[in-house]
Amino acid sequence: MPKRGGVFANRAASLQSTQGQVENSAGAMEREARQATRRVASMSTELEDVSEVEYRQIRLEKVVLVGIYATDVEDAENSLHELAALAETAGSEVLDGMLQRRDMPDPATYLGKGKAKELAEIVADCGADTVIVDGELAPSQRRGLEDAVKVKVVDRTALILDIFAQHAQSREGKAQVELAQLEYLLPRLRGWGESMSRQAGGRVAGGEGIGSRGPGETKIELDRRRIRKRMSKLRNEIAAMKPARDTQRQSRRSGEIPSVAIAGYTNAGKSTLLNRLTGAEVMVQNALFATLDPTVRQTKTDDGRLYTLTDTVGFVRNLPTQLVEAFRSTLEEVGDADLIVHVVDAAHPDPMGQIKAVHAVFETIDGAMEIPEIIALNKADLATEADLAVLRSLLPNSVAVSAHTGAGMGDLQELIAQMLPRPSVKVDVVVPYAHGDLVHRFHNDGEIELEEYLPEGTHLVGLVSQALAYDLNRVAVATDSGNAE
């Protein structure tokens, strides 16, 4: 059943639900830089521009969306509307869309023969130059559909990879995205067989004679070999960056400071929430996958306990497996956290579907599903009271907030303080004044019940971590009024 007109553009705007932006100099400069490098309209993407190898830059302009569904038409429509938002984030204009009900994709053209012909007519009527399929296409399906519609065909995976390539900023992020792109590209190379041979073999090539003659190595084989070599280099580079990330993570954890990871669906408001909780200047943009590189900031609870907040990459339904693998080191920030703040767009038409998609990614991260979780129902100012009441009844440890207006932030901070790991070792020590650093750690990491100043040093009573208790007991002095337990 075709879905026509500008409905996708309008619905995509509603999905992005006017996320409020915390204005700051660093974020504003990054947004301005992104706007300055957006794609230019009227750049050709016709199939006549195909080069020797299918490694063209995706230039999305005027697009038509297409998807299939077996039974749940509402879920299929939500997915297609999300695809429209992804396409607009990539810089394209969504003209039309079409859904087909069928149990399985057609092995030749993804759609049936009749629907492929109908799609070709829609493309011609709209003047579109690209078709985006809401799914992952096999190379043969993409070629078959391109032959049917006579314009460029892109699948959901290629679209998401393209958005990641636009938004990657750090050296590690760029390497991760390039690796994912190459893994996607490798089985989709196109060549022209023996006519592209680079060597003739046998006597013609001055070779070894009989038994060595042959067509030689084809152009496509050379390209595959180059891509595999580049992928190997990228994997080595990413592996070499991992110790630095691990060292940074270990240095944060060495002081026994609890770690809180902010995770959730893309454009749910994670970066805005980080800015609201910590006063950070993280770039905020009303777009999907605006933030790819993790950002770590430090803050404290109302009772003075320090903890770190980490803003992570957003997730999406059917997240390409290539990205999950390439961003493994980044996703480890979630697996190593003491607490997860799962940000959910409460104003989204399908918030439970978003939660399910995020948990599906959590299941691929070692230990993530065992970490305590808080559900932050963000954009509560845009959701109805009835919807919020239903979500809170279904989701334990949930709190309604608005990172834009600041509503509910006190409740969220209080819940974070309650669920953070607390010191467990009771100490009663007198710390010599020469070890003021330990007193400082006690203030930051422990819970002080008593603090007084004696001639021998600072008398402290309270709860601390096991590591800090060992350091305190090691330097504590014995007095009549203080003793180490």
Protein backbone atom coordinates (compact mmCIF):
# COMPACT_ATOMS: atom_id res chain seq x y z
CA MET A 1 0.00 0.00 0.00
CA PRO A 2 1.79 3.17 -1.12
CA LYS A 3 2.29 5.95 1.40
CA ARG A 4 2.48 9.19 -0.59
CA GLY A 5 3.48 12.82 -0.32
CA GLY A 6 5.23 14.77 2.43
CA VAL A 7 3.89 12.65 5.27
CA PHE A 8 7.34 11.15 5.88
CA ALA A 9 9.01 14.51 6.23
CA ASN A 10 6.31 15.65 8.67
CA ARG A 11 6.40 12.43 10.69
CA ALA A 12 10.21 12.47 10.75
CA ALA A 13 10.03 15.91 12.29
CA SER A 14 7.67 14.61 14.95
CA LEU A 15 10.01 11.70 15.70
CA GLN A 16 12.81 14.15 16.31
CA SER A 17 10.32 15.95 18.58
CA THR A 18 12.01 19.30 18.92
CA GLN A 19 14.72 18.26 21.34
CA GLY A 20 15.78 21.32 23.28
CA GLN A 21 19.36 22.38 22.88
CA VAL A 22 21.58 23.64 25.66
CA GLU A 23 23.41 26.45 23.89
CA ASN A 24 27.17 26.62 24.42
CA SER A 25 30.11 27.86 22.43
CA ALA A 26 31.74 24.50 21.70
CA GLY A 27 28.50 22.81 20.68
CA ALA A 28 27.40 25.77 18.56
CA MET A 29 30.72 25.82 16.70
CA GLU A 30 30.48 22.08 15.95
CA ARG A 31 26.90 22.42 14.71
CA GLU A 32 27.96 25.31 12.46
CA ALA A 33 30.82 23.23 11.06
CA ARG A 34 28.43 20.37 10.26
CA GLN A 35 25.99 22.69 8.52
CA ALA A 36 28.84 24.09 6.44
CA THR A 37 29.67 20.63 5.09
CA ARG A 38 26.17 19.40 4.23
CA ARG A 39 25.62 17.81 0.86
CA VAL A 40 24.76 20.02 -2.12
CA ALA A 41 21.57 19.31 -4.05
CA SER A 42 21.46 18.44 -7.76
CA MET A 43 24.59 16.27 -7.73
CA SER A 44 24.05 13.34 -10.09
CA THR A 45 23.62 9.81 -8.76
CA GLU A 46 22.38 8.09 -11.91
CA LEU A 47 23.55 4.58 -12.65
CA GLU A 48 25.52 5.80 -15.69
CA ASP A 49 28.08 7.15 -13.21
CA VAL A 50 29.04 3.66 -12.00
CA SER A 51 32.82 3.33 -11.79
CA GLU A 52 34.92 0.17 -12.12
CA VAL A 53 34.23 -0.78 -8.51
CA GLU A 54 31.07 -0.19 -6.49
CA TYR A 55 32.74 2.18 -4.03
CA ARG A 56 30.91 5.40 -4.83
CA GLN A 57 30.23 8.03 -2.25
CA ILE A 58 26.54 7.94 -1.39
CA ARG A 59 25.02 11.27 -2.46
CA LEU A 60 21.44 11.23 -1.25
CA GLU A 61 19.16 13.87 -2.71
CA LYS A 62 15.53 13.15 -3.57
CA VAL A 63 14.62 9.74 -2.25
CA VAL A 64 11.73 7.28 -2.16
CA LEU A 65 11.49 4.84 0.76
CA VAL A 66 10.31 1.26 0.53
CA GLY A 67 9.79 -1.54 3.04
CA ILE A 68 8.01 -4.84 3.53
CA TYR A 69 6.12 -6.35 6.48
CA ALA A 70 4.62 -9.72 7.30
CA THR A 71 1.88 -8.92 9.85
CA ASP A 72 2.56 -5.83 12.00
CA VAL A 73 1.84 -2.86 9.74
CA GLU A 74 2.10 -0.33 12.60
CA ASP A 75 5.63 -1.45 13.43
CA ALA A 76 6.55 -1.30 9.74
CA GLU A 77 5.20 2.25 9.47
CA ASN A 78 7.18 3.35 12.55
CA SER A 79 10.31 1.82 11.05
CA LEU A 80 9.70 3.59 7.73
CA HIS A 81 9.16 6.93 9.50
CA GLU A 82 12.44 6.38 11.33
CA LEU A 83 14.10 5.66 7.99
CA ALA A 84 12.77 9.01 6.77
CA ALA A 85 14.42 10.73 9.75
CA LEU A 86 17.68 8.90 9.00
CA ALA A 87 17.51 9.97 5.35
CA GLU A 88 16.96 13.61 6.32
CA THR A 89 19.86 13.43 8.76
CA ALA A 90 22.02 12.25 5.86
CA GLY A 91 21.00 15.34 3.88
CA SER A 92 18.28 14.03 1.58
CA GLU A 93 14.71 15.06 0.81
CA VAL A 94 12.09 12.35 1.29
CA LEU A 95 9.49 12.48 -1.48
CA ASP A 96 7.45 9.32 -1.06
CA GLY A 97 7.27 5.90 0.51
CA MET A 98 5.76 2.49 -0.07
CA LEU A 99 5.09 -0.60 2.05
CA GLN A 100 4.39 -4.08 0.70
CA ARG A 101 2.93 -6.96 2.68
CA ARG A 102 4.78 -10.18 2.01
CA ASP A 103 6.13 -12.98 4.20
CA MET A 104 9.67 -13.02 2.79
CA PRO A 105 11.70 -10.61 0.62
CA ASP A 106 11.87 -11.56 -3.05
CA PRO A 107 15.32 -13.13 -3.67
CA ALA A 108 15.71 -11.26 -6.96
CA THR A 109 14.45 -7.72 -6.32
CA TYR A 110 13.44 -7.64 -2.59
CA LEU A 111 9.94 -6.58 -3.74
CA GLY A 112 7.75 -8.67 -5.96
CA LYS A 113 7.88 -8.10 -9.71
CA GLY A 114 4.64 -6.11 -9.74
CA LYS A 115 5.62 -3.90 -6.79
CA ALA A 116 9.07 -3.27 -8.31
CA LYS A 117 7.31 -2.00 -11.45
CA GLU A 118 4.97 0.14 -9.33
CA LEU A 119 7.99 1.54 -7.46
CA ALA A 120 9.64 2.44 -10.78
CA GLU A 121 6.53 4.44 -11.72
CA ILE A 122 6.55 6.27 -8.36
CA VAL A 123 10.24 7.10 -8.80
CA ALA A 124 9.61 8.44 -12.29
CA ASP A 125 6.60 10.50 -11.17
CA CYS A 126 8.45 12.04 -8.22
CA GLY A 127 11.69 12.69 -10.07
CA ALA A 128 13.61 10.82 -7.38
CA ASP A 129 17.20 9.75 -7.92
CA THR A 130 17.57 7.26 -5.06
CA VAL A 131 15.54 4.46 -3.49
CA ILE A 132 16.23 3.56 0.15
CA VAL A 133 15.15 0.12 1.32
CA ASP A 134 14.20 -0.39 4.98
CA GLY A 135 16.31 -3.50 5.41
CA GLU A 136 19.63 -4.98 4.37
CA LEU A 137 19.85 -6.01 0.74
CA ALA A 138 21.90 -8.86 -0.68
CA PRO A 139 24.15 -7.69 -3.54
CA SER A 140 22.00 -9.54 -6.08
CA GLN A 141 18.80 -7.96 -4.70
CA ARG A 142 20.25 -4.49 -4.97
CA ARG A 143 21.37 -5.02 -8.55
CA GLY A 144 17.99 -6.52 -9.46
CA LEU A 145 16.06 -3.63 -7.91
CA GLU A 146 18.35 -1.07 -9.58
CA ASP A 147 17.69 -2.72 -12.93
CA ALA A 148 13.94 -2.44 -12.24
CA VAL A 149 13.75 1.17 -11.01
CA LYS A 150 16.67 2.62 -13.06
CA VAL A 151 18.04 4.71 -10.18
CA LYS A 152 20.52 4.16 -7.37
CA VAL A 153 19.33 1.78 -4.60
CA VAL A 154 20.66 2.09 -1.04
CA ASP A 155 19.73 -0.09 1.94
CA ARG A 156 19.28 0.89 5.58
CA THR A 157 22.74 -0.33 6.58
CA ALA A 158 24.52 1.79 3.95
CA LEU A 159 22.49 4.83 5.04
CA ILE A 160 23.44 4.45 8.71
CA LEU A 161 27.09 3.90 7.81
CA ASP A 162 27.01 7.07 5.73
CA ILE A 163 25.62 9.10 8.65
CA PHE A 164 28.32 7.72 10.93
CA ALA A 165 30.97 8.67 8.36
CA GLN A 166 29.65 12.26 8.33
CA HIS A 167 29.60 12.61 12.12
CA ALA A 168 32.78 10.80 13.21
CA GLN A 169 35.23 13.29 14.72
CA SER A 170 37.95 11.47 16.64
CA ARG A 171 40.72 9.40 15.07
CA GLU A 172 39.34 6.25 16.65
CA GLY A 173 35.79 7.03 15.55
CA LYS A 174 36.86 7.61 11.95
CA ALA A 175 38.83 4.35 11.92
CA GLN A 176 35.87 2.43 13.37
CA VAL A 177 33.48 3.82 10.77
CA GLU A 178 35.86 3.14 7.87
CA LEU A 179 36.30 -0.44 9.04
CA ALA A 180 32.53 -0.93 9.18
CA GLN A 181 32.14 0.56 5.70
CA LEU A 182 34.79 -1.73 4.24
CA GLU A 183 33.23 -4.80 5.88
CA TYR A 184 29.92 -3.81 4.27
CA LEU A 185 31.54 -3.08 0.92
CA LEU A 186 33.67 -6.21 0.51
CA PRO A 187 30.92 -8.65 -0.61
CA ARG A 188 29.30 -5.94 -2.76
CA LEU A 189 32.15 -5.16 -5.14
CA ARG A 190 31.27 -5.15 -8.82
CA GLY A 191 33.66 -5.95 -11.66
CA TRP A 192 33.72 -7.24 -15.20
CA GLY A 193 35.54 -10.57 -14.85
CA GLU A 194 38.38 -11.67 -17.09
CA SER A 195 38.30 -8.54 -19.27
CA MET A 196 39.81 -6.68 -16.32
CA SER A 197 42.77 -9.05 -15.91
CA ARG A 198 45.99 -7.32 -14.92
CA GLN A 199 48.33 -10.06 -16.15
CA ALA A 200 48.11 -12.53 -18.99
CA GLY A 201 50.03 -15.40 -17.43
CA GLY A 202 52.18 -17.97 -19.27
CA ARG A 203 54.68 -16.97 -21.97
CA VAL A 204 52.86 -13.73 -22.73
CA ALA A 205 53.83 -12.46 -19.32
CA GLY A 206 57.30 -13.98 -19.47
CA GLY A 207 56.16 -16.59 -16.99
CA GLU A 208 56.95 -20.24 -16.39
CA GLY A 209 55.30 -21.69 -19.50
CA ILE A 210 52.87 -24.60 -19.60
CA GLY A 211 50.81 -24.99 -16.45
CA SER A 212 51.05 -21.35 -15.47
CA ARG A 213 48.95 -19.84 -18.28
CA GLY A 214 45.66 -18.27 -17.27
CA PRO A 215 43.60 -15.10 -17.21
CA GLY A 216 45.66 -13.67 -14.36
CA GLU A 217 44.41 -11.74 -11.38
CA THR A 218 41.26 -9.79 -12.17
CA LYS A 219 40.66 -6.19 -11.17
CA ILE A 220 37.99 -7.17 -8.66
CA GLU A 221 40.39 -9.62 -6.99
CA LEU A 222 42.98 -6.87 -6.68
CA ASP A 223 40.38 -4.55 -5.13
CA ARG A 224 39.32 -7.23 -2.67
CA ARG A 225 42.93 -7.80 -1.69
CA ARG A 226 43.50 -4.07 -1.16
CA ILE A 227 40.34 -3.79 0.94
CA ARG A 228 41.31 -6.77 3.10
CA LYS A 229 44.76 -5.25 3.59
CA ARG A 230 43.22 -1.92 4.58
CA MET A 231 40.79 -3.66 6.97
CA SER A 232 43.68 -5.49 8.61
CA LYS A 233 45.53 -2.20 9.06
CA LEU A 234 42.45 -0.52 10.57
CA ARG A 235 41.90 -3.40 13.00
CA ASN A 236 45.52 -3.08 14.13
CA GLU A 237 45.13 0.69 14.56
CA ILE A 238 41.93 0.30 16.61
CA ALA A 239 43.58 -2.41 18.71
CA ALA A 240 46.53 -0.07 19.31
CA MET A 241 44.14 2.66 20.51
CA LYS A 242 42.41 0.33 22.95
CA PRO A 243 45.18 0.41 25.63
CA ALA A 244 44.96 4.20 25.76
CA ARG A 245 41.20 4.03 26.29
CA ASP A 246 41.64 1.28 28.89
CA THR A 247 44.27 3.39 30.66
CA GLN A 248 41.95 6.38 30.76
CA ARG A 249 39.15 4.20 32.07
CA GLN A 250 41.44 2.61 34.68
CA SER A 251 42.71 5.99 35.85
CA ARG A 252 39.11 7.06 36.43
CA ARG A 253 38.36 3.86 38.32
CA SER A 254 41.61 3.83 40.34
CA GLY A 255 40.18 6.45 42.68
CA GLU A 256 37.14 4.23 43.30
CA ILE A 257 34.90 6.82 41.66
CA PRO A 258 31.66 5.16 40.48
CA SER A 259 30.89 5.32 36.77
CA VAL A 260 27.46 6.04 35.27
CA ALA A 261 26.89 5.41 31.54
CA ILE A 262 24.22 7.39 29.70
CA ALA A 263 22.86 5.11 26.98
CA GLY A 264 19.74 4.93 24.86
CA TYR A 265 18.16 5.32 21.46
CA THR A 266 19.59 7.88 19.08
CA ASN A 267 18.14 11.41 19.50
CA ALA A 268 16.57 10.52 22.84
CA GLY A 269 18.40 13.47 24.45
CA LYS A 270 21.48 11.83 26.00
CA SER A 271 23.88 14.70 25.32
CA THR A 272 21.36 17.29 26.52
CA LEU A 273 20.91 15.29 29.72
CA LEU A 274 24.71 15.15 30.23
CA ASN A 275 24.91 18.92 29.79
CA ARG A 276 22.06 19.43 32.25
CA LEU A 277 23.59 17.16 34.92
CA THR A 278 27.20 18.32 34.64
CA GLY A 279 27.21 21.71 32.93
CA ALA A 280 29.29 20.19 30.12
CA GLU A 281 29.50 21.79 26.69
CA VAL A 282 28.79 18.71 24.59
CA MET A 283 27.44 19.44 21.10
CA VAL A 284 23.67 18.99 20.95
CA GLN A 285 21.81 18.67 17.65
CA ASN A 286 18.27 17.61 16.78
CA ALA A 287 19.49 14.82 14.50
CA LEU A 288 20.03 11.08 14.60
CA PHE A 289 23.53 9.91 15.61
CA ALA A 290 24.70 13.46 16.32
CA THR A 291 27.16 12.15 18.94
CA LEU A 292 29.46 9.22 18.18
CA ASP A 293 32.51 9.72 20.41
CA PRO A 294 32.04 9.04 24.14
CA THR A 295 32.32 12.04 26.46
CA VAL A 296 33.17 11.68 30.16
CA ARG A 297 32.36 14.34 32.75
CA GLN A 298 32.55 14.34 36.56
CA THR A 299 29.82 15.44 38.93
CA LYS A 300 28.69 14.68 42.48
CA THR A 301 25.62 13.69 44.45
CA ASP A 302 23.87 16.04 46.87
CA ASP A 303 25.76 14.40 49.75
CA GLY A 304 29.11 15.08 48.05
CA ARG A 305 29.99 11.69 46.49
CA LEU A 306 31.82 12.01 43.18
CA TYR A 307 30.88 9.95 40.13
CA THR A 308 31.52 10.13 36.39
CA LEU A 309 28.92 10.37 33.63
CA THR A 310 29.73 8.96 30.18
CA ASP A 311 27.71 9.93 27.10
CA THR A 312 27.78 7.01 24.63
CA VAL A 313 26.83 6.47 21.00
CA GLY A 314 23.09 6.17 20.36
CA PHE A 315 21.45 2.97 19.20
CA VAL A 316 18.78 2.29 16.61
CA ARG A 317 16.65 -0.69 15.62
CA ASN A 318 18.46 -3.06 13.26
CA LEU A 319 21.81 -1.44 14.06
CA PRO A 320 24.28 -2.81 11.48
CA THR A 321 26.38 -5.62 12.89
CA GLN A 322 29.43 -4.05 11.27
CA LEU A 323 29.00 -0.98 13.49
CA VAL A 324 28.45 -3.03 16.64
CA GLU A 325 31.72 -4.86 16.03
CA ALA A 326 33.68 -1.77 14.92
CA PHE A 327 32.50 0.26 17.94
CA ARG A 328 33.18 -2.57 20.38
CA SER A 329 35.79 -0.56 22.34
CA THR A 330 33.36 2.38 22.63
CA LEU A 331 30.50 0.14 23.76
CA GLU A 332 32.73 -1.23 26.51
CA GLU A 333 32.10 2.05 28.34
CA VAL A 334 28.59 0.71 29.00
CA GLY A 335 29.79 -2.73 30.10
CA ASP A 336 32.27 -1.25 32.60
CA ALA A 337 29.79 1.13 34.24
CA ASP A 338 28.44 0.75 37.78
CA LEU A 339 25.05 2.15 36.74
CA ILE A 340 23.28 2.77 33.41
CA VAL A 341 20.97 5.73 32.87
CA HIS A 342 18.87 4.53 29.93
CA VAL A 343 17.40 7.62 28.24
CA VAL A 344 14.08 7.05 26.49
CA ASP A 345 12.14 9.50 24.31
CA ALA A 346 8.80 9.44 26.14
CA ALA A 347 7.16 11.45 23.34
CA HIS A 348 8.10 8.90 20.66
CA PRO A 349 5.24 6.87 19.10
CA ASP A 350 6.93 3.59 20.10
CA PRO A 351 9.08 4.05 23.23
CA MET A 352 8.87 0.38 24.21
CA GLY A 353 10.20 -0.58 20.78
CA GLN A 354 13.15 1.75 21.35
CA ILE A 355 13.85 0.18 24.75
CA LYS A 356 13.75 -3.28 23.18
CA ALA A 357 16.22 -2.21 20.47
CA VAL A 358 18.65 -0.78 23.06
CA HIS A 359 18.45 -3.91 25.21
CA ALA A 360 19.20 -5.99 22.10
CA VAL A 361 22.51 -4.11 21.80
CA PHE A 362 23.15 -4.46 25.55
CA GLU A 363 22.94 -8.23 25.11
CA THR A 364 25.98 -8.09 22.81
CA ILE A 365 28.06 -6.29 25.49
CA ASP A 366 29.59 -8.49 28.18
CA GLY A 367 27.95 -7.87 31.56
CA ALA A 368 25.75 -4.98 30.43
CA MET A 369 22.45 -6.72 31.24
CA GLU A 370 23.55 -7.33 34.84
CA ILE A 371 24.29 -3.65 35.55
CA PRO A 372 21.59 -1.73 37.53
CA GLU A 373 19.52 0.46 35.20
CA ILE A 374 17.56 3.68 35.60
CA ILE A 375 15.02 4.56 32.89
CA ALA A 376 14.99 8.33 32.29
CA LEU A 377 11.74 9.14 30.45
CA ASN A 378 13.04 12.23 28.69
CA LYS A 379 11.01 14.87 26.79
CA ALA A 380 8.29 14.57 29.41
CA ASP A 381 7.22 18.11 28.50
CA LEU A 382 6.15 16.77 25.08
CA ALA A 383 4.46 13.58 26.29
CA THR A 384 0.97 13.25 27.74
CA GLU A 385 0.39 12.48 31.42
CA ALA A 386 -1.43 9.27 30.45
CA ASP A 387 1.51 8.01 28.37
CA LEU A 388 3.97 8.82 31.16
CA ALA A 389 1.79 7.03 33.73
CA VAL A 390 1.67 3.90 31.54
CA LEU A 391 5.43 3.91 30.97
CA ARG A 392 6.21 4.38 34.66
CA SER A 393 3.91 1.50 35.56
CA LEU A 394 5.65 -0.78 33.07
CA LEU A 395 9.23 0.27 33.81
CA PRO A 396 10.76 -0.10 37.29
CA ASN A 397 13.30 2.52 38.43
CA SER A 398 11.90 5.01 35.93
CA VAL A 399 11.61 8.77 36.35
CA ALA A 400 10.03 11.38 34.07
CA VAL A 401 12.40 14.23 33.16
CA SER A 402 12.88 16.98 30.62
CA ALA A 403 16.51 17.73 29.87
CA HIS A 404 15.29 20.79 27.94
CA THR A 405 13.33 22.46 30.75
CA GLY A 406 15.09 20.82 33.72
CA ALA A 407 11.88 19.28 35.07
CA GLY A 408 12.41 16.10 37.09
CA MET A 409 16.21 16.45 37.21
CA GLY A 410 16.19 16.53 41.00
CA ASP A 411 14.29 13.23 41.11
CA LEU A 412 16.76 11.70 38.66
CA GLN A 413 19.79 12.85 40.65
CA GLU A 414 18.24 11.49 43.84
CA LEU A 415 17.62 8.10 42.18
CA ILE A 416 21.19 8.01 40.85
CA ALA A 417 22.50 8.72 44.37
CA GLN A 418 20.39 5.89 45.79
CA MET A 419 21.53 3.33 43.20
CA LEU A 420 25.23 4.22 43.07
CA PRO A 421 27.47 1.71 44.86
CA ARG A 422 28.17 2.89 48.38
CA PRO A 423 31.31 2.48 50.51
CA SER A 424 31.10 -0.62 52.69
CA VAL A 425 34.10 -0.64 55.07
CA LYS A 426 33.78 1.14 58.44
CA VAL A 427 36.93 2.96 59.61
CA ASP A 428 37.86 4.98 62.67
CA VAL A 429 41.32 6.40 62.05
CA VAL A 430 43.62 9.31 62.80
CA VAL A 431 45.39 10.35 59.62
CA PRO A 432 48.69 12.30 60.02
CA TYR A 433 48.55 15.79 58.56
CA ALA A 434 51.28 14.80 56.09
CA HIS A 435 48.74 12.53 54.36
CA GLY A 436 46.18 15.15 53.48
CA ASP A 437 45.63 13.44 50.12
CA LEU A 438 43.96 10.53 51.93
CA VAL A 439 41.70 12.91 53.82
CA HIS A 440 40.77 14.46 50.48
CA ARG A 441 39.95 11.00 49.07
CA PHE A 442 37.84 10.29 52.17
CA HIS A 443 35.84 13.45 51.47
CA ASN A 444 35.38 12.59 47.78
CA ASP A 445 34.81 8.84 47.95
CA GLY A 446 33.64 8.04 51.46
CA GLU A 447 30.78 8.83 53.81
CA ILE A 448 32.02 10.82 56.81
CA GLU A 449 30.27 10.39 60.15
CA LEU A 450 32.82 12.30 62.25
CA GLU A 451 35.77 14.57 61.48
CA GLU A 452 37.87 16.32 64.11
CA TYR A 453 41.38 17.71 64.33
CA LEU A 454 43.78 16.30 66.93
CA PRO A 455 47.46 17.07 67.60
CA GLU A 456 48.42 13.79 65.89
CA GLY A 457 46.27 14.36 62.78
CA THR A 458 42.73 14.31 61.43
CA HIS A 459 40.35 11.94 63.21
CA LEU A 460 37.93 10.40 60.70
CA VAL A 461 35.04 8.01 61.24
CA GLY A 462 32.91 6.73 58.39
CA LEU A 463 32.48 4.33 55.46
CA VAL A 464 35.02 3.94 52.65
CA SER A 465 35.94 1.47 49.92
CA GLN A 466 38.17 -1.51 50.56
CA ALA A 467 41.12 0.08 48.74
CA LEU A 468 40.87 3.37 50.63
CA ALA A 469 40.45 1.52 53.97
CA TYR A 470 43.76 -0.27 53.30
CA ASP A 471 45.57 3.01 52.55
CA LEU A 472 44.11 4.71 55.64
CA ASN A 473 44.98 1.86 57.97
CA ARG A 474 48.52 1.77 56.57
CA VAL A 475 49.29 5.36 57.66
CA ALA A 476 46.95 5.73 60.68
CA VAL A 477 48.47 6.54 64.06
CA ALA A 478 47.33 4.94 67.29
CA THR A 479 45.84 7.35 69.85
CA ASP A 480 43.49 7.19 72.78
CA SER A 481 40.70 8.70 70.71
CA GLY A 482 41.25 7.02 67.35
CA ASN A 483 42.09 3.53 66.19
CA ALA A 484 41.96 1.71 62.90
CA GLU A 485 39.49 -1.10 62.48
